[in-house]
Amino acid sequence: MKVCFVDLDGTITRPRLNNTFDFIFAFYKYGGYKYKKIKGFVSKLLGLMSFIMPFARGKIRKYQILVLFRGLDAERVREFVQKHWISNVRENLNSEVIDIISCHRRKGYRLVMLTACTESPARQISESLRFDDVISTTFVVSNGKIVGVNDDTFASSKARVLFGRYSPDIIKESHYIMDSPSIESQLLRVFKLTYIVSKGKVIRVHRRQEWES
């Protein structure tokens, strides 16, 4: 099985669009949910802590997601993605990356979105762009409400979740399109070929042999 894994933020979509935090703030603004200022304050405080303590960025990000998403109706979040957010995503696609994805599709690759973005909107975006599978940060849902974060796929956690879904033999022969080599440097050692994107353009194609030689 030939697989091409593709990141979302800064890769499929332009760097100015964050499909976790921009999305949830748009949901509060336009989705009819009352926004509590304390949520925004705590989220900004956690963001500042993440900047000051980059070694703890993953854990802090998880707390940010919990603060902003906990208690929301999961179905209303999904509905907002379909009615409002997908069109925003389509207006912010990186055309060069979309062309590379299309090329892999024509060659028979299985397309997998591999992102730290939350499952909503990641799952709906992947379906809209005709991906075959999606690996994303997932929620814990109880009685229809988001109550926690299950698998967090940010930074080093992305590799852990990836290897839980696909075998090492498949992964080592796969391609990856991404924009964060400094955050996900360990993945450069994993994939056969990695396309590195910056400002919507592929600036480098990295081959695993560069690490092995």
C-alpha atoms as a PDB file:
ATOM      1  CA  MET A   1       0.000   0.000   0.000  1.00  0.00           C
ATOM      2  CA  LYS A   2       1.357   3.401  -1.062  1.00  0.00           C
ATOM      3  CA  VAL A   3       0.475   6.208   1.354  1.00  0.00           C
ATOM      4  CA  CYS A   4       0.945   9.969   1.294  1.00  0.00           C
ATOM      5  CA  PHE A   5       0.441  11.697   4.655  1.00  0.00           C
ATOM      6  CA  VAL A   6      -0.348  15.411   4.600  1.00  0.00           C
ATOM      7  CA  ASP A   7      -0.321  18.007   7.377  1.00  0.00           C
ATOM      8  CA  LEU A   8      -3.126  20.596   7.502  1.00  0.00           C
ATOM      9  CA  ASP A   9      -2.205  23.979   9.029  1.00  0.00           C
ATOM     10  CA  GLY A  10       0.425  25.805   6.988  1.00  0.00           C
ATOM     11  CA  THR A  11       0.523  22.966   4.474  1.00  0.00           C
ATOM     12  CA  ILE A  12      -2.906  22.351   2.947  1.00  0.00           C
ATOM     13  CA  THR A  13      -4.063  25.739   4.207  1.00  0.00           C
ATOM     14  CA  ARG A  14      -2.162  29.016   4.387  1.00  0.00           C
ATOM     15  CA  PRO A  15      -0.153  29.766   7.548  1.00  0.00           C
ATOM     16  CA  ARG A  16      -2.494  32.558   8.605  1.00  0.00           C
ATOM     17  CA  LEU A  17      -5.331  30.051   9.156  1.00  0.00           C
ATOM     18  CA  ASN A  18      -5.217  27.911  12.289  1.00  0.00           C
ATOM     19  CA  ASN A  19      -7.820  25.181  11.997  1.00  0.00           C
ATOM     20  CA  THR A  20      -8.002  24.634  15.753  1.00  0.00           C
ATOM     21  CA  PHE A  21      -7.914  28.060  17.389  1.00  0.00           C
ATOM     22  CA  ASP A  22      -9.154  30.298  14.556  1.00  0.00           C
ATOM     23  CA  PHE A  23     -11.904  27.737  14.070  1.00  0.00           C
ATOM     24  CA  ILE A  24     -13.098  27.655  17.681  1.00  0.00           C
ATOM     25  CA  PHE A  25     -13.099  31.450  17.999  1.00  0.00           C
ATOM     26  CA  ALA A  26     -15.152  31.650  14.779  1.00  0.00           C
ATOM     27  CA  PHE A  27     -17.522  29.078  16.259  1.00  0.00           C
ATOM     28  CA  TYR A  28     -18.077  31.229  19.337  1.00  0.00           C
ATOM     29  CA  LYS A  29     -18.503  34.359  17.231  1.00  0.00           C
ATOM     30  CA  TYR A  30     -20.884  32.970  14.600  1.00  0.00           C
ATOM     31  CA  GLY A  31     -22.152  29.643  15.932  1.00  0.00           C
ATOM     32  CA  GLY A  32     -24.640  30.971  18.448  1.00  0.00           C
ATOM     33  CA  TYR A  33     -22.723  29.827  21.521  1.00  0.00           C
ATOM     34  CA  LYS A  34     -22.252  32.298  24.355  1.00  0.00           C
ATOM     35  CA  TYR A  35     -18.560  33.029  24.742  1.00  0.00           C
ATOM     36  CA  LYS A  36     -17.214  33.382  28.254  1.00  0.00           C
ATOM     37  CA  LYS A  37     -14.439  35.962  28.497  1.00  0.00           C
ATOM     38  CA  ILE A  38     -12.698  33.855  31.120  1.00  0.00           C
ATOM     39  CA  LYS A  39     -12.117  31.193  28.445  1.00  0.00           C
ATOM     40  CA  GLY A  40     -10.351  33.690  26.213  1.00  0.00           C
ATOM     41  CA  PHE A  41      -8.301  35.043  29.093  1.00  0.00           C
ATOM     42  CA  VAL A  42      -7.157  31.584  30.206  1.00  0.00           C
ATOM     43  CA  SER A  43      -6.388  30.565  26.613  1.00  0.00           C
ATOM     44  CA  LYS A  44      -4.243  33.681  26.042  1.00  0.00           C
ATOM     45  CA  LEU A  45      -2.454  33.092  29.344  1.00  0.00           C
ATOM     46  CA  LEU A  46      -1.693  29.513  28.324  1.00  0.00           C
ATOM     47  CA  GLY A  47      -0.482  30.756  24.933  1.00  0.00           C
ATOM     48  CA  LEU A  48       1.926  33.126  26.666  1.00  0.00           C
ATOM     49  CA  MET A  49       3.153  30.271  28.858  1.00  0.00           C
ATOM     50  CA  SER A  50       3.717  28.174  25.734  1.00  0.00           C
ATOM     51  CA  PHE A  51       5.906  30.944  24.282  1.00  0.00           C
ATOM     52  CA  ILE A  52       7.903  31.259  27.505  1.00  0.00           C
ATOM     53  CA  MET A  53       8.202  27.483  28.025  1.00  0.00           C
ATOM     54  CA  PRO A  54       8.485  25.893  24.553  1.00  0.00           C
ATOM     55  CA  PHE A  55       9.532  22.567  26.128  1.00  0.00           C
ATOM     56  CA  ALA A  56       5.989  22.310  27.561  1.00  0.00           C
ATOM     57  CA  ARG A  57       4.182  23.497  24.440  1.00  0.00           C
ATOM     58  CA  GLY A  58       2.371  20.195  23.833  1.00  0.00           C
ATOM     59  CA  LYS A  59       0.871  19.955  27.326  1.00  0.00           C
ATOM     60  CA  ILE A  60      -0.070  23.627  27.370  1.00  0.00           C
ATOM     61  CA  ARG A  61      -1.738  23.350  23.976  1.00  0.00           C
ATOM     62  CA  LYS A  62      -3.814  20.435  25.250  1.00  0.00           C
ATOM     63  CA  TYR A  63      -5.031  22.559  28.166  1.00  0.00           C
ATOM     64  CA  GLN A  64      -5.899  25.364  25.739  1.00  0.00           C
ATOM     65  CA  ILE A  65      -8.044  22.978  23.717  1.00  0.00           C
ATOM     66  CA  LEU A  66      -9.760  21.744  26.880  1.00  0.00           C
ATOM     67  CA  VAL A  67     -10.515  25.290  28.030  1.00  0.00           C
ATOM     68  CA  LEU A  68     -12.037  26.281  24.686  1.00  0.00           C
ATOM     69  CA  PHE A  69     -13.868  23.086  23.659  1.00  0.00           C
ATOM     70  CA  ARG A  70     -15.027  21.503  26.919  1.00  0.00           C
ATOM     71  CA  GLY A  71     -18.794  21.531  27.346  1.00  0.00           C
ATOM     72  CA  LEU A  72     -19.605  22.187  23.684  1.00  0.00           C
ATOM     73  CA  ASP A  73     -22.202  20.115  21.867  1.00  0.00           C
ATOM     74  CA  ALA A  74     -20.161  17.920  19.498  1.00  0.00           C
ATOM     75  CA  GLU A  75     -22.879  17.797  16.857  1.00  0.00           C
ATOM     76  CA  ARG A  76     -23.263  21.587  16.790  1.00  0.00           C
ATOM     77  CA  VAL A  77     -19.508  21.904  16.309  1.00  0.00           C
ATOM     78  CA  ARG A  78     -19.644  19.486  13.349  1.00  0.00           C
ATOM     79  CA  GLU A  79     -22.608  21.347  11.840  1.00  0.00           C
ATOM     80  CA  PHE A  80     -20.723  24.652  12.064  1.00  0.00           C
ATOM     81  CA  VAL A  81     -17.812  23.122  10.152  1.00  0.00           C
ATOM     82  CA  GLN A  82     -20.075  22.016   7.306  1.00  0.00           C
ATOM     83  CA  LYS A  83     -22.128  25.223   7.103  1.00  0.00           C
ATOM     84  CA  HIS A  84     -19.404  27.821   7.629  1.00  0.00           C
ATOM     85  CA  TRP A  85     -15.822  26.638   8.045  1.00  0.00           C
ATOM     86  CA  ILE A  86     -15.313  24.463   4.947  1.00  0.00           C
ATOM     87  CA  SER A  87     -15.833  27.461   2.654  1.00  0.00           C
ATOM     88  CA  ASN A  88     -13.231  29.410   4.662  1.00  0.00           C
ATOM     89  CA  VAL A  89     -10.760  26.547   4.253  1.00  0.00           C
ATOM     90  CA  ARG A  90     -11.345  26.385   0.486  1.00  0.00           C
ATOM     91  CA  GLU A  91     -10.556  30.101   0.223  1.00  0.00           C
ATOM     92  CA  ASN A  92      -7.206  29.504   1.973  1.00  0.00           C
ATOM     93  CA  LEU A  93      -5.862  26.419   0.180  1.00  0.00           C
ATOM     94  CA  ASN A  94      -2.230  26.283  -0.923  1.00  0.00           C
ATOM     95  CA  SER A  95      -2.556  25.531  -4.636  1.00  0.00           C
ATOM     96  CA  GLU A  96       0.940  24.038  -4.998  1.00  0.00           C
ATOM     97  CA  VAL A  97       0.285  21.558  -2.195  1.00  0.00           C
ATOM     98  CA  ILE A  98      -3.129  20.675  -3.621  1.00  0.00           C
ATOM     99  CA  ASP A  99      -1.416  19.925  -6.947  1.00  0.00           C
ATOM    100  CA  ILE A 100       1.068  17.579  -5.214  1.00  0.00           C
ATOM    101  CA  ILE A 101      -1.806  15.831  -3.433  1.00  0.00           C
ATOM    102  CA  SER A 102      -3.657  15.416  -6.733  1.00  0.00           C
ATOM    103  CA  CYS A 103      -0.529  13.958  -8.319  1.00  0.00           C
ATOM    104  CA  HIS A 104      -0.257  11.371  -5.550  1.00  0.00           C
ATOM    105  CA  ARG A 105      -3.942  10.532  -5.928  1.00  0.00           C
ATOM    106  CA  ARG A 106      -3.480   9.886  -9.663  1.00  0.00           C
ATOM    107  CA  LYS A 107      -0.546   7.589  -8.868  1.00  0.00           C
ATOM    108  CA  GLY A 108      -2.741   5.488  -6.602  1.00  0.00           C
ATOM    109  CA  TYR A 109      -1.543   6.686  -3.191  1.00  0.00           C
ATOM    110  CA  ARG A 110      -3.809   6.428  -0.172  1.00  0.00           C
ATOM    111  CA  LEU A 111      -4.176   9.978   1.153  1.00  0.00           C
ATOM    112  CA  VAL A 112      -4.098  10.477   4.912  1.00  0.00           C
ATOM    113  CA  MET A 113      -4.435  13.818   6.670  1.00  0.00           C
ATOM    114  CA  LEU A 114      -1.939  13.779   9.550  1.00  0.00           C
ATOM    115  CA  THR A 115      -2.578  16.819  11.698  1.00  0.00           C
ATOM    116  CA  ALA A 116      -2.529  18.153  15.248  1.00  0.00           C
ATOM    117  CA  CYS A 117      -5.799  19.925  14.480  1.00  0.00           C
ATOM    118  CA  THR A 118      -8.838  18.797  16.463  1.00  0.00           C
ATOM    119  CA  GLU A 119     -11.074  16.150  14.898  1.00  0.00           C
ATOM    120  CA  SER A 120     -13.633  18.848  14.143  1.00  0.00           C
ATOM    121  CA  PRO A 121     -12.870  20.440  11.737  1.00  0.00           C
ATOM    122  CA  ALA A 122     -10.095  18.047  10.555  1.00  0.00           C
ATOM    123  CA  ARG A 123     -12.388  15.137   9.706  1.00  0.00           C
ATOM    124  CA  GLN A 124     -14.832  17.236   7.708  1.00  0.00           C
ATOM    125  CA  ILE A 125     -12.007  19.028   5.882  1.00  0.00           C
ATOM    126  CA  SER A 126     -10.423  15.702   4.946  1.00  0.00           C
ATOM    127  CA  GLU A 127     -13.754  14.429   3.590  1.00  0.00           C
ATOM    128  CA  SER A 128     -14.288  17.632   1.623  1.00  0.00           C
ATOM    129  CA  LEU A 129     -10.843  17.267   0.011  1.00  0.00           C
ATOM    130  CA  ARG A 130     -11.397  13.539  -0.685  1.00  0.00           C
ATOM    131  CA  PHE A 131      -8.829  12.119   1.707  1.00  0.00           C
ATOM    132  CA  ASP A 132      -9.059   8.424   2.534  1.00  0.00           C
ATOM    133  CA  ASP A 133      -8.253   8.715   6.240  1.00  0.00           C
ATOM    134  CA  VAL A 134      -7.466  11.298   8.916  1.00  0.00           C
ATOM    135  CA  ILE A 135      -5.283  11.204  12.017  1.00  0.00           C
ATOM    136  CA  SER A 136      -5.973  14.153  14.314  1.00  0.00           C
ATOM    137  CA  THR A 137      -6.359  15.215  17.920  1.00  0.00           C
ATOM    138  CA  THR A 138      -9.526  13.479  19.119  1.00  0.00           C
ATOM    139  CA  PHE A 139     -12.119  14.410  21.724  1.00  0.00           C
ATOM    140  CA  VAL A 140     -13.662  12.503  24.581  1.00  0.00           C
ATOM    141  CA  VAL A 141     -17.434  12.901  24.145  1.00  0.00           C
ATOM    142  CA  SER A 142     -20.003  12.052  26.821  1.00  0.00           C
ATOM    143  CA  ASN A 143     -23.776  12.498  26.348  1.00  0.00           C
ATOM    144  CA  GLY A 144     -23.073  14.478  23.206  1.00  0.00           C
ATOM    145  CA  LYS A 145     -20.770  16.967  24.961  1.00  0.00           C
ATOM    146  CA  ILE A 146     -17.014  17.379  24.512  1.00  0.00           C
ATOM    147  CA  VAL A 147     -15.504  16.636  27.925  1.00  0.00           C
ATOM    148  CA  GLY A 148     -11.833  15.977  27.199  1.00  0.00           C
ATOM    149  CA  VAL A 149      -9.009  15.294  24.767  1.00  0.00           C
ATOM    150  CA  ASN A 150      -8.143  11.704  23.919  1.00  0.00           C
ATOM    151  CA  ASP A 151      -5.287  11.352  21.407  1.00  0.00           C
ATOM    152  CA  ASP A 152      -3.287  14.565  21.061  1.00  0.00           C
ATOM    153  CA  THR A 153      -1.292  14.534  17.829  1.00  0.00           C
ATOM    154  CA  PHE A 154       0.822  17.629  18.393  1.00  0.00           C
ATOM    155  CA  ALA A 155       4.609  17.519  17.803  1.00  0.00           C
ATOM    156  CA  SER A 156       6.242  14.305  19.082  1.00  0.00           C
ATOM    157  CA  SER A 157       2.836  12.794  19.945  1.00  0.00           C
ATOM    158  CA  LYS A 158       2.037  12.721  16.232  1.00  0.00           C
ATOM    159  CA  ALA A 159       4.573   9.927  15.622  1.00  0.00           C
ATOM    160  CA  ARG A 160       3.177   7.859  18.507  1.00  0.00           C
ATOM    161  CA  VAL A 161      -0.376   8.001  17.179  1.00  0.00           C
ATOM    162  CA  LEU A 162       0.823   7.440  13.603  1.00  0.00           C
ATOM    163  CA  PHE A 163       2.623   4.203  14.505  1.00  0.00           C
ATOM    164  CA  GLY A 164      -0.475   3.074  16.371  1.00  0.00           C
ATOM    165  CA  ARG A 165      -2.493   3.272  13.148  1.00  0.00           C
ATOM    166  CA  TYR A 166      -0.055   2.204  10.427  1.00  0.00           C
ATOM    167  CA  SER A 167       2.691  -0.407  10.386  1.00  0.00           C
ATOM    168  CA  PRO A 168       6.383   0.619  10.289  1.00  0.00           C
ATOM    169  CA  ASP A 169       6.780  -1.140   6.920  1.00  0.00           C
ATOM    170  CA  ILE A 170       4.071   1.036   5.379  1.00  0.00           C
ATOM    171  CA  ILE A 171       5.275   4.250   6.999  1.00  0.00           C
ATOM    172  CA  LYS A 172       8.908   3.899   5.942  1.00  0.00           C
ATOM    173  CA  GLU A 173       7.831   3.684   2.268  1.00  0.00           C
ATOM    174  CA  SER A 174       5.402   6.600   2.547  1.00  0.00           C
ATOM    175  CA  HIS A 175       5.593  10.281   1.647  1.00  0.00           C
ATOM    176  CA  TYR A 176       4.800  13.206   3.958  1.00  0.00           C
ATOM    177  CA  ILE A 177       3.937  16.827   3.157  1.00  0.00           C
ATOM    178  CA  MET A 178       4.529  19.166   6.103  1.00  0.00           C
ATOM    179  CA  ASP A 179       5.564  22.660   7.163  1.00  0.00           C
ATOM    180  CA  SER A 180       7.126  22.210  10.629  1.00  0.00           C
ATOM    181  CA  PRO A 181      10.487  20.401  10.360  1.00  0.00           C
ATOM    182  CA  SER A 182      11.747  21.991  13.581  1.00  0.00           C
ATOM    183  CA  ILE A 183       8.758  20.731  15.588  1.00  0.00           C
ATOM    184  CA  GLU A 184       8.487  17.352  13.828  1.00  0.00           C
ATOM    185  CA  SER A 185      12.153  16.666  13.105  1.00  0.00           C
ATOM    186  CA  GLN A 186      11.842  13.024  14.194  1.00  0.00           C
ATOM    187  CA  LEU A 187       9.445  12.380  11.315  1.00  0.00           C
ATOM    188  CA  LEU A 188      12.142  13.306   8.804  1.00  0.00           C
ATOM    189  CA  ARG A 189      13.855  10.062   9.828  1.00  0.00           C
ATOM    190  CA  VAL A 190      10.690   8.041   9.294  1.00  0.00           C
ATOM    191  CA  PHE A 191       9.259   8.763   5.848  1.00  0.00           C
ATOM    192  CA  LYS A 192      10.881   7.828   2.564  1.00  0.00           C
ATOM    193  CA  LEU A 193      10.221  11.297   1.148  1.00  0.00           C
ATOM    194  CA  THR A 194       9.153  14.519   2.883  1.00  0.00           C
ATOM    195  CA  TYR A 195       7.996  17.673   1.117  1.00  0.00           C
ATOM    196  CA  ILE A 196       8.740  20.706   3.299  1.00  0.00           C
ATOM    197  CA  VAL A 197       6.411  23.666   2.757  1.00  0.00           C
ATOM    198  CA  SER A 198       6.956  27.308   3.668  1.00  0.00           C
ATOM    199  CA  LYS A 199       4.532  30.150   2.880  1.00  0.00           C
ATOM    200  CA  GLY A 200       2.548  27.891   0.600  1.00  0.00           C
ATOM    201  CA  LYS A 201       5.515  26.767  -1.486  1.00  0.00           C
ATOM    202  CA  VAL A 202       7.533  23.559  -1.393  1.00  0.00           C
ATOM    203  CA  ILE A 203      11.030  24.736  -0.506  1.00  0.00           C
ATOM    204  CA  ARG A 204      12.701  21.356  -0.117  1.00  0.00           C
ATOM    205  CA  VAL A 205      12.180  17.659  -0.773  1.00  0.00           C
ATOM    206  CA  HIS A 206      13.885  15.636   1.961  1.00  0.00           C
ATOM    207  CA  ARG A 207      14.910  12.013   1.434  1.00  0.00           C
ATOM    208  CA  ARG A 208      15.398   9.696   4.401  1.00  0.00           C
ATOM    209  CA  GLN A 209      18.809   8.642   3.092  1.00  0.00           C
ATOM    210  CA  GLU A 210      20.087  12.107   4.020  1.00  0.00           C
ATOM    211  CA  TRP A 211      19.759  11.107   7.654  1.00  0.00           C
ATOM    212  CA  GLU A 212      21.007   7.557   7.136  1.00  0.00           C
ATOM    213  CA  SER A 213      24.177   8.472   5.207  1.00  0.00           C
END
